Amino acid sequence: EMCNPETLEDAYVVAECLTDTQRNCYTNTFKPSKKLDDGGKKEDQRE
């Protein structure tokens, strides 16, 4: 899980984005991923 290429790539993209446009890119890059991840977990917890 820790050595997932997708996770590493995401982290690299985020790091590069943070250098380019700290907040804008960070939100745009994480919003879709977090919504899918947190969305499902939040719905489960709410029930």
N, C-alpha and C. Protein backbone atom coordinates (compact mmCIF):
# COMPACT_ATOMS: atom_id res chain seq x y z
N GLU A 1 0.83 -1.19 0.00
CA GLU A 1 0.00 0.00 0.00
C GLU A 1 0.88 1.25 0.00
N MET A 2 1.94 1.22 0.77
CA MET A 2 2.79 2.40 0.87
C MET A 2 3.60 2.60 -0.41
N CYS A 3 3.92 1.51 -1.09
CA CYS A 3 4.76 1.60 -2.29
C CYS A 3 3.91 1.62 -3.56
N ASN A 4 2.71 2.13 -3.46
CA ASN A 4 1.85 2.17 -4.64
C ASN A 4 2.37 3.22 -5.63
N PRO A 5 2.57 2.84 -6.88
CA PRO A 5 3.05 3.81 -7.88
C PRO A 5 2.07 4.97 -8.04
N GLU A 6 0.80 4.68 -7.94
CA GLU A 6 -0.20 5.74 -8.09
C GLU A 6 -0.05 6.77 -6.98
N THR A 7 0.15 6.28 -5.77
CA THR A 7 0.29 7.20 -4.63
C THR A 7 1.56 8.03 -4.78
N LEU A 8 2.64 7.38 -5.20
CA LEU A 8 3.90 8.10 -5.37
C LEU A 8 3.75 9.15 -6.46
N GLU A 9 3.11 8.77 -7.55
CA GLU A 9 2.94 9.72 -8.65
C GLU A 9 2.09 10.90 -8.19
N ASP A 10 1.03 10.60 -7.46
CA ASP A 10 0.15 11.66 -6.97
C ASP A 10 0.94 12.61 -6.07
N ALA A 11 1.72 12.05 -5.19
CA ALA A 11 2.50 12.87 -4.26
C ALA A 11 3.47 13.75 -5.05
N TYR A 12 4.08 13.20 -6.09
CA TYR A 12 5.04 13.96 -6.89
C TYR A 12 4.33 15.10 -7.61
N VAL A 13 3.17 14.79 -8.17
CA VAL A 13 2.41 15.82 -8.89
C VAL A 13 2.00 16.92 -7.93
N VAL A 14 1.56 16.53 -6.76
CA VAL A 14 1.14 17.52 -5.76
C VAL A 14 2.32 18.39 -5.36
N ALA A 15 3.47 17.77 -5.15
CA ALA A 15 4.67 18.52 -4.76
C ALA A 15 5.02 19.53 -5.85
N GLU A 16 4.98 19.09 -7.11
CA GLU A 16 5.29 20.00 -8.21
C GLU A 16 4.24 21.10 -8.29
N CYS A 17 3.00 20.73 -8.09
CA CYS A 17 1.91 21.71 -8.15
C CYS A 17 2.08 22.74 -7.04
N LEU A 18 2.42 22.27 -5.86
CA LEU A 18 2.57 23.18 -4.72
C LEU A 18 3.62 24.24 -5.04
N THR A 19 4.67 23.82 -5.75
CA THR A 19 5.71 24.78 -6.09
C THR A 19 5.19 25.77 -7.13
N ASP A 20 4.32 25.29 -8.01
CA ASP A 20 3.79 26.17 -9.06
C ASP A 20 2.71 27.09 -8.50
N THR A 21 1.62 26.51 -8.08
CA THR A 21 0.50 27.31 -7.54
C THR A 21 0.03 26.66 -6.26
N GLN A 22 0.69 26.98 -5.17
CA GLN A 22 0.47 26.31 -3.89
C GLN A 22 -0.99 25.93 -3.69
N ARG A 23 -1.87 26.90 -3.56
CA ARG A 23 -3.25 26.54 -3.14
C ARG A 23 -4.08 26.09 -4.34
N ASN A 24 -4.09 26.82 -5.40
CA ASN A 24 -4.96 26.48 -6.54
C ASN A 24 -4.75 25.05 -6.99
N CYS A 25 -3.54 24.71 -7.34
CA CYS A 25 -3.25 23.37 -7.87
C CYS A 25 -3.52 22.31 -6.81
N TYR A 26 -3.16 22.60 -5.59
CA TYR A 26 -3.36 21.62 -4.51
C TYR A 26 -4.84 21.26 -4.40
N THR A 27 -5.69 22.25 -4.43
CA THR A 27 -7.13 21.99 -4.32
C THR A 27 -7.62 21.24 -5.55
N ASN A 28 -7.19 21.69 -6.72
CA ASN A 28 -7.66 21.05 -7.96
C ASN A 28 -7.18 19.61 -8.06
N THR A 29 -5.98 19.35 -7.56
CA THR A 29 -5.43 17.99 -7.68
C THR A 29 -6.05 17.06 -6.64
N PHE A 30 -6.34 17.59 -5.47
CA PHE A 30 -6.81 16.71 -4.39
C PHE A 30 -8.33 16.62 -4.32
N LYS A 31 -9.04 17.64 -4.80
CA LYS A 31 -10.51 17.64 -4.68
C LYS A 31 -11.14 16.38 -5.27
N PRO A 32 -10.86 16.03 -6.50
CA PRO A 32 -11.50 14.84 -7.08
C PRO A 32 -11.12 13.57 -6.33
N SER A 33 -9.86 13.42 -6.00
CA SER A 33 -9.40 12.20 -5.31
C SER A 33 -10.00 12.13 -3.91
N LYS A 34 -9.96 13.24 -3.20
CA LYS A 34 -10.46 13.24 -1.82
C LYS A 34 -11.96 13.02 -1.81
N LYS A 35 -12.67 13.60 -2.77
CA LYS A 35 -14.13 13.45 -2.80
C LYS A 35 -14.50 11.99 -2.94
N LEU A 36 -13.77 11.26 -3.76
CA LEU A 36 -14.08 9.84 -3.97
C LEU A 36 -13.71 9.05 -2.72
N ASP A 37 -12.59 9.38 -2.11
CA ASP A 37 -12.12 8.64 -0.94
C ASP A 37 -12.92 9.02 0.30
N ASP A 38 -12.95 10.31 0.60
CA ASP A 38 -13.64 10.76 1.81
C ASP A 38 -15.15 10.62 1.65
N GLY A 39 -15.65 10.86 0.44
CA GLY A 39 -17.09 10.77 0.21
C GLY A 39 -17.63 9.42 0.66
N GLY A 40 -17.02 8.35 0.20
CA GLY A 40 -17.50 7.02 0.57
C GLY A 40 -17.38 6.78 2.06
N LYS A 41 -16.28 7.19 2.64
CA LYS A 41 -16.08 6.96 4.09
C LYS A 41 -17.07 7.80 4.90
N LYS A 42 -17.28 9.02 4.48
CA LYS A 42 -18.18 9.91 5.23
C LYS A 42 -19.61 9.35 5.18
N GLU A 43 -20.00 8.87 4.02
CA GLU A 43 -21.36 8.33 3.88
C GLU A 43 -21.53 7.12 4.80
N ASP A 44 -20.49 6.32 4.90
CA ASP A 44 -20.56 5.13 5.76
C ASP A 44 -20.67 5.54 7.22
N GLN A 45 -19.90 6.54 7.61
CA GLN A 45 -19.90 6.97 9.01
C GLN A 45 -21.23 7.63 9.36
N ARG A 46 -21.80 8.37 8.43
CA ARG A 46 -23.06 9.09 8.71
C ARG A 46 -24.17 8.08 8.97
N GLU A 47 -24.18 6.99 8.25
CA GLU A 47 -25.24 5.98 8.43
C GLU A 47 -25.02 5.29 9.78
